[in-house]
Amino acid sequence: MLVERKEYKDEKGNIGYYESVFDSSNVLKTTYFPHNQRLYVSFNRGGTYSYENVDEELYIAFENAESQGKFLRENIIKKPDLYPYRKEFTLYPEEVKDLKLIVEQSKNKEEDV
C-alpha cells in the first residue's frame, strides 16, 4: 500500500522523479524517473535494484496495485528481457529504519481517524 509519494520537479516545472514509500512485506521505497523510464526499488532488507524501460503507465499501475511485491514480480522481474535489472546499492540500516518509521507513523495516523 502506498504510504507517501513525493514529486520532484525541475526548474521548468516538469516532473524530474517520484519517490514513494510503501507498507509492503517486500517493497519499502521506490524512486522513479519518467524521463528515462528507470525504476529503483529498495526492498525491506535494504537491497536496491534498478529496472529499465518501465514506462509511467506501468509505474502508476505498480503504485496502485493491491500488492506491490506481487505486481513487481509478475509484471517486471519475471520479464528481464523487457525490463533489464541490476543491483545498485544497499541502504544503510538507519535509512531502512527511517523508512519503516514513516510506514509505522502512517499506520498510527490511520488508527487515530
N, C-alpha and C. Protein backbone atom coordinates (compact mmCIF):
# COMPACT_ATOMS: atom_id res chain seq x y z
N MET A 1 0.84 -1.17 0.00
CA MET A 1 0.00 0.00 0.00
C MET A 1 0.90 1.25 0.00
N LEU A 2 0.55 2.19 -0.85
CA LEU A 2 1.28 3.44 -0.94
C LEU A 2 1.04 4.26 0.34
N VAL A 3 2.13 4.67 0.99
CA VAL A 3 2.06 5.42 2.24
C VAL A 3 2.38 6.90 2.00
N GLU A 4 3.39 7.14 1.17
CA GLU A 4 3.84 8.51 0.95
C GLU A 4 4.38 8.61 -0.47
N ARG A 5 4.03 9.72 -1.14
CA ARG A 5 4.53 9.94 -2.51
C ARG A 5 4.92 11.40 -2.64
N LYS A 6 6.14 11.61 -3.12
CA LYS A 6 6.63 12.97 -3.34
C LYS A 6 7.03 13.11 -4.80
N GLU A 7 6.70 14.26 -5.38
CA GLU A 7 7.09 14.57 -6.75
C GLU A 7 8.17 15.64 -6.70
N TYR A 8 9.21 15.44 -7.45
CA TYR A 8 10.30 16.42 -7.53
C TYR A 8 10.34 16.95 -8.95
N LYS A 9 10.25 18.28 -9.08
CA LYS A 9 10.18 18.91 -10.39
C LYS A 9 11.48 19.65 -10.71
N ASP A 10 11.75 19.77 -12.01
CA ASP A 10 12.92 20.54 -12.43
C ASP A 10 12.57 22.03 -12.47
N GLU A 11 13.53 22.83 -12.88
CA GLU A 11 13.34 24.29 -12.88
C GLU A 11 12.23 24.76 -13.82
N LYS A 12 11.86 23.92 -14.79
CA LYS A 12 10.78 24.27 -15.72
C LYS A 12 9.42 23.76 -15.24
N GLY A 13 9.40 23.09 -14.10
CA GLY A 13 8.15 22.56 -13.57
C GLY A 13 7.79 21.17 -14.05
N ASN A 14 8.69 20.54 -14.81
CA ASN A 14 8.46 19.17 -15.26
C ASN A 14 8.83 18.18 -14.17
N ILE A 15 8.14 17.06 -14.14
CA ILE A 15 8.46 16.03 -13.15
C ILE A 15 9.85 15.49 -13.43
N GLY A 16 10.70 15.58 -12.43
CA GLY A 16 12.04 15.00 -12.52
C GLY A 16 12.01 13.55 -12.08
N TYR A 17 11.39 13.33 -10.91
CA TYR A 17 11.24 11.96 -10.41
C TYR A 17 10.22 11.92 -9.29
N TYR A 18 9.78 10.69 -8.99
CA TYR A 18 8.85 10.42 -7.89
C TYR A 18 9.58 9.58 -6.86
N GLU A 19 9.32 9.84 -5.59
CA GLU A 19 9.77 8.95 -4.51
C GLU A 19 8.55 8.51 -3.74
N SER A 20 8.43 7.21 -3.53
CA SER A 20 7.28 6.67 -2.83
C SER A 20 7.72 5.68 -1.77
N VAL A 21 6.98 5.64 -0.67
CA VAL A 21 7.22 4.70 0.43
C VAL A 21 5.98 3.81 0.53
N PHE A 22 6.20 2.53 0.76
CA PHE A 22 5.11 1.56 0.78
C PHE A 22 5.05 0.77 2.08
N ASP A 23 3.83 0.44 2.47
CA ASP A 23 3.60 -0.52 3.55
C ASP A 23 3.41 -1.85 2.86
N SER A 24 4.51 -2.58 2.72
CA SER A 24 4.53 -3.82 1.95
C SER A 24 5.47 -4.80 2.65
N SER A 25 5.19 -6.06 2.51
CA SER A 25 6.06 -7.06 3.14
C SER A 25 7.39 -7.19 2.39
N ASN A 26 7.47 -6.61 1.19
CA ASN A 26 8.66 -6.77 0.38
C ASN A 26 9.27 -5.44 -0.07
N VAL A 27 8.45 -4.56 -0.61
CA VAL A 27 8.92 -3.30 -1.19
C VAL A 27 8.83 -2.19 -0.13
N LEU A 28 9.93 -1.48 0.05
CA LEU A 28 9.96 -0.41 1.05
C LEU A 28 9.84 0.96 0.39
N LYS A 29 10.61 1.19 -0.67
CA LYS A 29 10.67 2.52 -1.29
C LYS A 29 10.96 2.37 -2.77
N THR A 30 10.42 3.32 -3.56
CA THR A 30 10.78 3.40 -4.97
C THR A 30 11.17 4.82 -5.32
N THR A 31 12.02 4.93 -6.29
CA THR A 31 12.33 6.21 -6.93
C THR A 31 12.18 5.94 -8.42
N TYR A 32 11.33 6.76 -9.07
CA TYR A 32 11.03 6.53 -10.48
C TYR A 32 11.34 7.79 -11.28
N PHE A 33 12.11 7.61 -12.36
CA PHE A 33 12.48 8.69 -13.26
C PHE A 33 11.74 8.50 -14.58
N PRO A 34 10.64 9.26 -14.80
CA PRO A 34 9.86 9.05 -16.01
C PRO A 34 10.61 9.41 -17.29
N HIS A 35 11.51 10.38 -17.25
CA HIS A 35 12.19 10.81 -18.47
C HIS A 35 13.10 9.74 -19.06
N ASN A 36 13.64 8.86 -18.21
CA ASN A 36 14.47 7.77 -18.75
C ASN A 36 13.90 6.39 -18.41
N GLN A 37 12.67 6.38 -17.92
CA GLN A 37 11.93 5.14 -17.63
C GLN A 37 12.73 4.17 -16.78
N ARG A 38 13.34 4.71 -15.73
CA ARG A 38 14.11 3.86 -14.81
C ARG A 38 13.46 3.88 -13.43
N LEU A 39 13.27 2.67 -12.91
CA LEU A 39 12.66 2.47 -11.60
C LEU A 39 13.69 1.88 -10.65
N TYR A 40 13.86 2.52 -9.50
CA TYR A 40 14.72 1.99 -8.43
C TYR A 40 13.80 1.49 -7.33
N VAL A 41 14.03 0.26 -6.91
CA VAL A 41 13.22 -0.34 -5.85
C VAL A 41 14.12 -0.73 -4.70
N SER A 42 13.81 -0.21 -3.51
CA SER A 42 14.52 -0.60 -2.29
C SER A 42 13.63 -1.56 -1.53
N PHE A 43 14.16 -2.73 -1.25
CA PHE A 43 13.41 -3.76 -0.56
C PHE A 43 13.60 -3.63 0.95
N ASN A 44 12.78 -4.34 1.71
CA ASN A 44 12.78 -4.21 3.17
C ASN A 44 14.11 -4.54 3.82
N ARG A 45 14.93 -5.32 3.18
CA ARG A 45 16.25 -5.63 3.74
C ARG A 45 17.31 -4.64 3.29
N GLY A 46 16.91 -3.65 2.46
CA GLY A 46 17.82 -2.59 2.07
C GLY A 46 18.39 -2.70 0.67
N GLY A 47 18.34 -3.89 0.06
CA GLY A 47 18.85 -4.04 -1.29
C GLY A 47 18.06 -3.16 -2.25
N THR A 48 18.78 -2.45 -3.13
CA THR A 48 18.13 -1.57 -4.08
C THR A 48 18.54 -1.96 -5.49
N TYR A 49 17.53 -2.19 -6.33
CA TYR A 49 17.73 -2.62 -7.71
C TYR A 49 17.13 -1.60 -8.65
N SER A 50 17.71 -1.50 -9.85
CA SER A 50 17.12 -0.63 -10.87
C SER A 50 16.56 -1.50 -11.99
N TYR A 51 15.47 -1.03 -12.56
CA TYR A 51 14.78 -1.70 -13.66
C TYR A 51 14.63 -0.71 -14.80
N GLU A 52 15.02 -1.12 -16.00
CA GLU A 52 14.97 -0.26 -17.18
C GLU A 52 13.65 -0.43 -17.92
N ASN A 53 13.33 0.56 -18.76
CA ASN A 53 12.20 0.51 -19.69
C ASN A 53 10.83 0.48 -19.02
N VAL A 54 10.74 0.95 -17.79
CA VAL A 54 9.46 0.96 -17.07
C VAL A 54 8.76 2.28 -17.43
N ASP A 55 7.71 2.18 -18.25
CA ASP A 55 7.02 3.42 -18.63
C ASP A 55 6.14 3.90 -17.48
N GLU A 56 5.72 5.14 -17.58
CA GLU A 56 4.98 5.77 -16.48
C GLU A 56 3.66 5.05 -16.20
N GLU A 57 3.01 4.57 -17.24
CA GLU A 57 1.74 3.85 -17.05
C GLU A 57 1.95 2.59 -16.20
N LEU A 58 3.03 1.86 -16.49
CA LEU A 58 3.34 0.66 -15.70
C LEU A 58 3.69 1.04 -14.27
N TYR A 59 4.44 2.12 -14.10
CA TYR A 59 4.80 2.54 -12.74
C TYR A 59 3.57 2.93 -11.94
N ILE A 60 2.66 3.67 -12.52
CA ILE A 60 1.43 4.08 -11.82
C ILE A 60 0.61 2.84 -11.45
N ALA A 61 0.54 1.86 -12.35
CA ALA A 61 -0.17 0.61 -12.04
C ALA A 61 0.50 -0.09 -10.87
N PHE A 62 1.83 -0.09 -10.84
CA PHE A 62 2.58 -0.67 -9.73
C PHE A 62 2.23 0.03 -8.42
N GLU A 63 2.25 1.37 -8.43
CA GLU A 63 1.93 2.14 -7.22
C GLU A 63 0.53 1.81 -6.69
N ASN A 64 -0.41 1.64 -7.60
CA ASN A 64 -1.81 1.44 -7.23
C ASN A 64 -2.19 -0.02 -7.01
N ALA A 65 -1.25 -0.93 -7.22
CA ALA A 65 -1.54 -2.36 -7.07
C ALA A 65 -1.89 -2.70 -5.62
N GLU A 66 -2.68 -3.73 -5.45
CA GLU A 66 -3.03 -4.21 -4.11
C GLU A 66 -1.78 -4.71 -3.39
N SER A 67 -0.88 -5.35 -4.15
CA SER A 67 0.38 -5.85 -3.60
C SER A 67 1.51 -5.42 -4.52
N GLN A 68 2.37 -4.50 -4.04
CA GLN A 68 3.47 -4.03 -4.87
C GLN A 68 4.46 -5.15 -5.16
N GLY A 69 4.72 -6.00 -4.16
CA GLY A 69 5.66 -7.10 -4.37
C GLY A 69 5.18 -8.06 -5.43
N LYS A 70 3.93 -8.44 -5.38
CA LYS A 70 3.36 -9.36 -6.37
C LYS A 70 3.35 -8.72 -7.75
N PHE A 71 2.94 -7.46 -7.83
CA PHE A 71 2.90 -6.76 -9.11
C PHE A 71 4.31 -6.68 -9.71
N LEU A 72 5.28 -6.30 -8.89
CA LEU A 72 6.66 -6.19 -9.35
C LEU A 72 7.16 -7.53 -9.88
N ARG A 73 6.94 -8.57 -9.12
CA ARG A 73 7.39 -9.91 -9.50
C ARG A 73 6.74 -10.36 -10.82
N GLU A 74 5.41 -10.24 -10.90
CA GLU A 74 4.68 -10.76 -12.06
C GLU A 74 4.87 -9.92 -13.33
N ASN A 75 4.97 -8.61 -13.18
CA ASN A 75 4.95 -7.73 -14.35
C ASN A 75 6.31 -7.16 -14.75
N ILE A 76 7.28 -7.24 -13.87
CA ILE A 76 8.59 -6.64 -14.17
C ILE A 76 9.73 -7.65 -14.00
N ILE A 77 9.88 -8.21 -12.80
CA ILE A 77 11.02 -9.10 -12.52
C ILE A 77 11.00 -10.34 -13.41
N LYS A 78 9.84 -10.91 -13.65
CA LYS A 78 9.75 -12.13 -14.47
C LYS A 78 9.93 -11.86 -15.96
N LYS A 79 10.19 -10.60 -16.33
CA LYS A 79 10.37 -10.23 -17.74
C LYS A 79 11.70 -9.49 -17.93
N PRO A 80 12.82 -10.17 -17.61
CA PRO A 80 14.11 -9.47 -17.67
C PRO A 80 14.51 -9.03 -19.07
N ASP A 81 13.96 -9.66 -20.11
CA ASP A 81 14.27 -9.21 -21.47
C ASP A 81 13.65 -7.85 -21.75
N LEU A 82 12.46 -7.59 -21.17
CA LEU A 82 11.79 -6.30 -21.35
C LEU A 82 12.30 -5.26 -20.35
N TYR A 83 12.58 -5.72 -19.12
CA TYR A 83 12.95 -4.82 -18.03
C TYR A 83 14.26 -5.29 -17.40
N PRO A 84 15.38 -5.07 -18.09
CA PRO A 84 16.67 -5.48 -17.51
C PRO A 84 16.89 -4.82 -16.16
N TYR A 85 17.52 -5.56 -15.25
CA TYR A 85 17.73 -5.02 -13.91
C TYR A 85 19.13 -5.33 -13.42
N ARG A 86 19.50 -4.59 -12.39
CA ARG A 86 20.79 -4.85 -11.74
C ARG A 86 20.72 -4.32 -10.31
N LYS A 87 21.54 -4.90 -9.46
CA LYS A 87 21.63 -4.40 -8.10
C LYS A 87 22.47 -3.13 -8.13
N GLU A 88 21.95 -2.09 -7.47
CA GLU A 88 22.64 -0.80 -7.46
C GLU A 88 23.42 -0.57 -6.17
N PHE A 89 22.75 -0.76 -5.03
CA PHE A 89 23.37 -0.50 -3.74
C PHE A 89 22.49 -1.07 -2.64
N THR A 90 22.96 -0.97 -1.41
CA THR A 90 22.19 -1.38 -0.24
C THR A 90 22.04 -0.17 0.66
N LEU A 91 20.81 0.07 1.10
CA LEU A 91 20.57 1.17 2.03
C LEU A 91 21.28 0.88 3.35
N TYR A 92 21.68 1.94 4.03
CA TYR A 92 22.23 1.77 5.37
C TYR A 92 21.10 1.35 6.31
N PRO A 93 21.43 0.60 7.37
CA PRO A 93 20.39 0.18 8.31
C PRO A 93 19.56 1.35 8.85
N GLU A 94 20.20 2.50 9.08
CA GLU A 94 19.47 3.68 9.58
C GLU A 94 18.46 4.17 8.55
N GLU A 95 18.81 4.09 7.27
CA GLU A 95 17.88 4.51 6.21
C GLU A 95 16.65 3.61 6.20
N VAL A 96 16.88 2.30 6.31
CA VAL A 96 15.77 1.34 6.36
C VAL A 96 14.90 1.64 7.57
N LYS A 97 15.54 1.87 8.71
CA LYS A 97 14.81 2.16 9.95
C LYS A 97 13.96 3.42 9.79
N ASP A 98 14.52 4.47 9.20
CA ASP A 98 13.78 5.73 9.00
C ASP A 98 12.57 5.53 8.09
N LEU A 99 12.74 4.76 7.03
CA LEU A 99 11.63 4.50 6.11
C LEU A 99 10.53 3.67 6.79
N LYS A 100 10.94 2.69 7.57
CA LYS A 100 9.95 1.88 8.29
C LYS A 100 9.21 2.71 9.34
N LEU A 101 9.88 3.71 9.89
CA LEU A 101 9.23 4.63 10.83
C LEU A 101 8.13 5.43 10.13
N ILE A 102 8.38 5.85 8.89
CA ILE A 102 7.35 6.55 8.11
C ILE A 102 6.13 5.67 7.94
N VAL A 103 6.35 4.39 7.66
CA VAL A 103 5.24 3.43 7.50
C VAL A 103 4.48 3.29 8.81
N GLU A 104 5.20 3.14 9.93
CA GLU A 104 4.54 2.99 11.23
C GLU A 104 3.75 4.24 11.61
N GLN A 105 4.32 5.40 11.34
CA GLN A 105 3.60 6.64 11.64
C GLN A 105 2.33 6.75 10.81
N SER A 106 2.38 6.27 9.59
CA SER A 106 1.20 6.26 8.73
C SER A 106 0.11 5.36 9.31
N LYS A 107 0.51 4.22 9.83
CA LYS A 107 -0.46 3.29 10.44
C LYS A 107 -1.09 3.91 11.68
N ASN A 108 -0.28 4.62 12.47
CA ASN A 108 -0.78 5.26 13.68
C ASN A 108 -1.78 6.36 13.33
N LYS A 109 -1.52 7.12 12.27
CA LYS A 109 -2.46 8.16 11.84
C LYS A 109 -3.80 7.55 11.43
N GLU A 110 -3.74 6.41 10.73
CA GLU A 110 -4.97 5.74 10.30
C GLU A 110 -5.79 5.28 11.50
N GLU A 111 -5.11 4.79 12.55
CA GLU A 111 -5.80 4.31 13.74
C GLU A 111 -6.47 5.47 14.49
N ASP A 112 -5.87 6.67 14.41
CA ASP A 112 -6.41 7.83 15.10
C ASP A 112 -7.66 8.39 14.43
N VAL A 113 -7.86 8.04 13.17
CA VAL A 113 -9.01 8.60 12.42
C VAL A 113 -10.28 7.88 12.75
